[in-house]
Structures are given as C-alpha cells and as structure tokens.
Amino acid sequence: MNLDKKLTIATVIVFFAIGAISLYGIYDYSKNIDKNKDFVHSGKYYAYTQSMDSLAFPVALTLLLLLSLCIPKRVIPEKYLISFISIILGLALLLFLKDIKLSLGIILVLTLLLQIIVLLLTLTGRKLRFLSYSYYKKVGSSLIHLGIVAIALSIVQPTWLYFGNINVYWFSTAIISLGMLLIFYFPEKRRVALG
C-alpha cells in the first residue's frame, strides 16, 4: 500500500474519531444541561470542557501530523519528505516544551503557507503528486486541505488571523464546499491534466 492510501485511511479514521468525540460531547452536554439549567455557569462546566479538550487534543494533534505529511508530499520528493517533516516536528517539539499553542500555531502557519503554494502550483497546472490525474480533482483536493488548515489555525491561534475568526470560518467553509463539488461532481476526463 502506497503512502497516499495509508494517509487517506488514517485521515478517515481520525475524522471518524473527531465525529465520535463531538457526538459524545453533545450528548454529555445535553445530559448535564437537563440536570442543571445553570450548568454553563457552574464549576462543572469547566470540568466538562477540560475533559472534552483532553479527549479531543490527541486526535486533533494526530490530524495536524497527518496534514504535515499530506501537504508537503505534493511538492517534496518522498526521499526528502521524512527529513522535512522531522525538522518541522523537531521545531514544534522544542516550542511545545515552552508553549503548546505557539507550537501548534507555527505548524499550522507553515502548513497553510505550503498549502497556498500547492494550490497556486496546481492552478497553474504544475506537475504535483496527487492520486487523481484530473485537474479539477487536484484543485478540489487543494482547496479542501487549505480550508481545513485555515479552520484549525482559527481555533488554535484566533488572534493571529487578520480577517477575524468568523470570516476565516465562512471562507474556509466556502472553499471546502467548492473543493467537494470539484472532487465529486466533475468527471475524471473533463479536462486533461497538465501535470
């Protein structure tokens, strides 16, 4: 099994886990609010958010690590990929010891910048490594990855964003939706891929 398929399977598992944690969080919140209408203003709410964060954090970190592998592999040859990722993760680990949010923010900013480069190269038809040969599917995949990274950055480091969280969220939702349309509704041979 090649790297693309392994990353795809791992990402699907991580998204399934995020969905399961979210559903559990909604159920637990509803149960607590039914018992105590002032739950949000009580000390139990803080304990609830801390427990949900502790459940979600390892899964979110795994997603970031997968993105830090998935995005660079488009432009960096596989033989250099591990070295590149090791440098990024080494930097993140050093920062992690000081400030976890700073560490995650820097990883996300680097990933966001790299994904913007990937999108621009894809739009111009440069030869990049994708599972699909379709131009539209490559652009769609690039848009989806860009949207996911932007949303993650808006959550981890909301003060770093010039445009404001809600604007970044809606822009990301729009480009993810456009990416989904390109991936699922444009035929494989609609346009000959340039790369």
Foldseek 3Di string as FASTA:
>chain_A
DDPVVVLVVLLVVLVVQVVVLVVVLVVVVVVQCVVPVCCCVDPVVVVSVVVSCVSNVVSVVSNLLSLLQVLCQFPDPPVCSVVVSCVLVVVLVVVCVVPNLVSSLVSLVVSLVSLVVQLVCLVVQHRTDDPAQASLLSNLVSLLSNLVSLLVNCVSPVVVDPVGSVVSNVVSVVSNVSSVCSNPPDDRVNDGRSD
